Protein backbone atom coordinates (compact mmCIF):
# COMPACT_ATOMS: atom_id res chain seq x y z
CA MET A 1 149.98 227.58 87.67
CA ASP A 2 147.03 228.29 86.35
CA GLN A 3 143.79 228.88 88.46
CA VAL A 4 145.43 228.46 92.13
CA CYS A 5 144.70 230.53 94.93
CA GLN A 6 146.21 233.67 95.30
CA HIS A 7 148.40 232.56 98.57
CA ILE A 8 150.81 230.19 96.52
CA SER A 9 150.56 232.60 92.90
CA GLU A 10 152.31 234.84 94.66
CA ILE A 11 155.75 232.76 95.83
CA THR A 12 158.21 233.46 92.87
CA GLU A 13 161.36 231.41 94.19
CA ILE A 14 160.57 228.02 96.26
CA LYS A 15 162.12 227.71 99.49
CA LYS A 16 163.77 224.82 100.36
CA ALA A 17 165.14 222.50 103.55
CA ALA A 18 168.35 224.38 104.72
CA ALA A 19 168.44 221.22 106.80
CA TYR A 20 166.39 217.74 105.97
CA GLU A 21 165.13 217.62 109.85
CA CYS A 22 162.64 219.04 111.26
CA GLU A 23 163.98 222.14 113.44
CA GLU A 24 161.50 221.61 116.16
CA CYS A 25 161.61 217.71 116.65
CA VAL A 26 165.04 218.14 117.13
CA LYS A 27 164.97 220.69 119.90
CA VAL A 28 162.21 217.60 121.83
CA ASP A 29 164.58 214.13 120.05
CA GLY A 30 160.63 213.55 118.71
CA ARG A 31 160.85 211.73 115.34
CA TRP A 32 159.35 212.55 111.52
CA MET A 33 157.43 211.01 108.84
CA HIS A 34 157.34 213.62 106.39
CA LEU A 35 159.06 217.89 105.60
CA ARG A 36 157.48 219.97 104.70
CA THR A 37 158.89 223.91 104.01
CA CYS A 38 157.62 227.01 104.76
CA GLN A 39 157.40 229.49 102.10
CA THR A 40 157.06 232.24 103.74
CA CYS A 41 159.95 232.08 106.85
CA GLY A 42 161.48 229.05 105.66
CA ALA A 43 161.20 226.90 108.18
CA THR A 44 161.14 223.29 107.43
CA LEU A 45 159.00 220.76 109.86
CA CYS A 46 156.72 217.62 110.19
CA CYS A 47 154.27 217.14 108.35
CA ASP A 48 150.74 216.13 109.35
CA SER A 49 151.43 211.98 109.16
CA SER A 50 154.46 212.68 111.78
CA PRO A 51 152.84 213.00 115.71
CA ALA A 52 153.61 216.57 116.27
CA LYS A 53 152.05 217.46 112.91
CA HIS A 54 154.40 221.30 113.50
CA MET A 55 154.05 222.05 109.91
CA THR A 56 150.54 222.94 110.90
CA GLN A 57 150.83 224.02 114.36
CA HIS A 58 152.62 226.92 112.37
CA TYR A 59 150.47 228.17 110.89
CA HIS A 60 148.12 227.84 113.22
CA GLN A 61 150.44 229.91 115.21
CA THR A 62 152.25 232.18 112.61
CA GLY A 63 149.65 232.54 110.12
CA HIS A 64 151.94 231.70 106.75
CA PRO A 65 149.60 230.21 104.88
CA VAL A 66 151.70 228.32 102.23
CA ALA A 67 153.52 224.99 102.73
CA SER A 68 155.96 222.69 100.23
CA SER A 69 157.02 219.15 100.62
CA ALA A 70 160.88 218.73 101.50
CA GLU A 71 161.16 215.11 100.42
CA PRO A 72 162.91 214.75 97.74
CA GLY A 73 161.50 213.88 94.07
CA GLU A 74 158.12 216.06 95.01
CA GLN A 75 157.80 219.04 93.78
CA TRP A 76 154.54 220.52 94.95
CA LEU A 77 153.22 224.06 97.36
CA TRP A 78 149.69 222.80 99.99
CA CYS A 79 147.66 226.78 101.11
CA TYR A 80 146.42 225.60 105.02
CA LYS A 81 144.25 228.69 104.42
CA ASP A 82 143.04 228.17 101.11
CA GLU A 83 143.29 223.81 100.98
CA ALA A 84 144.30 224.40 97.38
CA PHE A 85 147.43 222.51 95.96
CA VAL A 86 149.43 222.67 93.67
CA GLU A 87 152.40 220.76 91.62
CA TYR A 88 155.49 222.31 89.53
CA ASP A 89 158.32 221.61 87.49
């Protein structure tokens, strides 16, 4: 991971989704499009294409800056604070 933001460069192990569902949507019988996993606490929440945008809300509420895609076959990280994106192997 060359030339990435500090938040992404500090990640040494990628947290994976414990279940393929948005934790918050499940509580309110909501719908999600794609899932993201918080790299600070491991919460798996819906993306901005989803009606509730729970992962972005999570960032604003907690300050946890980096999320990974929880979608099968996608391997990337996004830093909300620095608006930085990186793919990984």
